[in-house]
Protein backbone atom coordinates (compact mmCIF):
# COMPACT_ATOMS: atom_id res chain seq x y z
CA UNK A 1 0.00 0.00 0.00
CA UNK A 2 1.45 3.34 -1.05
CA UNK A 3 2.07 6.20 1.34
CA UNK A 4 -0.15 9.25 0.88
CA UNK A 5 1.46 12.64 1.43
CA UNK A 6 0.74 16.03 -0.07
CA UNK A 7 3.38 17.94 -2.03
CA UNK A 8 4.36 20.31 0.80
CA UNK A 9 4.80 17.53 3.36
CA UNK A 10 6.80 15.49 0.86
CA UNK A 11 9.09 18.42 0.05
CA UNK A 12 9.66 18.96 3.78
CA UNK A 13 10.75 15.32 4.10
CA UNK A 14 13.23 15.87 1.28
CA UNK A 15 14.61 19.00 2.99
CA UNK A 16 14.88 17.11 6.29
CA UNK A 17 16.76 14.24 4.65
CA UNK A 18 19.08 16.66 2.84
CA UNK A 19 19.84 18.32 6.18
CA UNK A 20 20.60 14.92 7.69
CA UNK A 21 23.24 14.02 5.08
CA UNK A 22 26.88 14.25 6.16
CA UNK A 23 28.50 17.65 5.59
CA UNK A 24 31.33 16.16 3.55
CA UNK A 25 28.77 14.79 1.09
CA UNK A 26 26.92 18.04 0.47
CA UNK A 27 29.63 20.67 1.02
CA UNK A 28 31.21 19.86 -2.36
CA UNK A 29 28.00 20.34 -4.33
CA UNK A 30 28.26 23.36 -6.61
CA UNK A 31 25.59 24.72 -8.91
CA UNK A 32 23.13 21.91 -8.14
CA UNK A 33 19.43 22.33 -7.51
CA UNK A 34 17.19 19.75 -5.88
CA UNK A 35 13.76 19.43 -7.47
CA UNK A 36 10.66 17.39 -6.65
CA UNK A 37 8.46 16.39 -9.58
CA UNK A 38 5.51 14.01 -9.58
CA UNK A 39 6.81 11.66 -12.29
CA UNK A 40 9.29 11.58 -15.15
CA UNK A 41 7.94 12.65 -18.55
CA UNK A 42 6.80 9.11 -19.39
CA UNK A 43 4.63 8.99 -16.24
CA UNK A 44 6.46 5.94 -14.92
CA UNK A 45 6.45 5.16 -11.22
CA UNK A 46 9.58 2.99 -11.55
CA UNK A 47 12.12 5.82 -11.49
CA UNK A 48 12.60 7.33 -8.03
CA UNK A 49 15.18 9.98 -8.89
CA UNK A 50 17.65 11.17 -11.48
CA UNK A 51 20.80 13.27 -11.72
CA UNK A 52 20.76 15.61 -14.72
CA UNK A 53 24.15 17.10 -15.39
CA UNK A 54 27.80 16.36 -15.98
CA UNK A 55 29.63 14.57 -13.18
CA UNK A 56 32.46 16.51 -11.58
CA UNK A 57 34.90 13.88 -12.83
CA UNK A 58 33.80 14.45 -16.44
CA UNK A 59 33.89 18.25 -16.58
CA UNK A 60 36.52 20.00 -18.66
CA UNK A 61 35.73 23.39 -17.31
CA UNK A 62 32.83 24.77 -15.37
CA UNK A 63 32.32 28.43 -14.90
CA UNK A 64 30.08 31.39 -14.62
CA UNK A 65 26.80 31.23 -16.49
CA UNK A 66 26.39 27.46 -16.54
CA UNK A 67 22.89 26.14 -15.98
CA UNK A 68 22.72 24.26 -12.69
CA UNK A 69 22.78 20.49 -12.56
CA UNK A 70 19.56 19.01 -11.24
CA UNK A 71 18.81 16.23 -8.84
CA UNK A 72 15.17 15.30 -9.28
CA UNK A 73 13.17 13.17 -6.88
CA UNK A 74 9.93 11.72 -8.23
CA UNK A 75 7.28 12.05 -5.56
CA UNK A 76 4.68 9.60 -6.87
CA UNK A 77 7.23 6.86 -7.53
CA UNK A 78 8.69 7.23 -4.05
CA UNK A 79 5.24 7.26 -2.45
CA UNK A 80 4.22 4.19 -4.47
CA UNK A 81 7.36 2.28 -3.44
CA UNK A 82 6.82 2.74 0.30
CA UNK A 83 4.39 1.26 2.81
CA UNK A 84 4.89 3.76 5.64
CA UNK A 85 6.50 7.07 6.53
CA UNK A 86 9.68 5.52 7.95
CA UNK A 87 10.25 3.54 4.77
CA UNK A 88 9.61 6.70 2.74
CA UNK A 89 12.22 8.63 4.75
CA UNK A 90 14.72 5.84 4.18
CA UNK A 91 13.98 5.67 0.45
CA UNK A 92 14.31 9.46 0.05
CA UNK A 93 17.64 9.27 1.90
CA UNK A 94 18.94 6.44 -0.31
CA UNK A 95 17.73 8.19 -3.47
CA UNK A 96 19.45 11.45 -2.49
CA UNK A 97 22.72 9.64 -1.74
CA UNK A 98 22.44 7.71 -5.01
CA UNK A 99 21.90 10.82 -7.16
CA UNK A 100 24.53 12.89 -5.31
CA UNK A 101 26.97 10.04 -5.93
CA UNK A 102 26.32 10.42 -9.67
CA UNK A 103 27.25 14.11 -9.34
CA UNK A 104 30.60 12.96 -7.92
CA UNK A 105 31.08 10.51 -10.79
CA UNK A 106 30.17 7.28 -8.99
CA UNK A 107 28.37 4.93 -11.39
CA UNK A 108 25.56 2.46 -10.68
CA UNK A 109 27.93 -0.53 -10.60
CA UNK A 110 30.00 1.05 -7.82
CA UNK A 111 26.84 2.13 -5.98
CA UNK A 112 25.67 -1.50 -6.03
CA UNK A 113 29.01 -2.57 -4.58
CA UNK A 114 28.61 0.03 -1.82
CA UNK A 115 24.99 -0.99 -1.13
CA UNK A 116 23.39 2.27 -2.32
CA UNK A 117 21.60 0.96 -5.41
């Protein structure tokens, strides 16, 4: 059974989980915005989040005027994947860590090895 939560309450959970992440994980983030959307363009509930940008390890140069990278969390997919509020908090946390790792150039294979995918 999916968790039901309105947009404002969900966004507050995301903010709370961001605040709970270790400083050394978030202090290095530059020009990144965190966004909550209901679903990806295809309407799928399978995708919980995505990093849209160029990983730090792949950038040639990065300077003034660049559009920010985006880390998107998909609210309806996350709600659908969870049975209760505690599970939702955990899943938001894991999704944030997973997408931030992509910003730092860590691929899905390595995330699986580390237990974050």
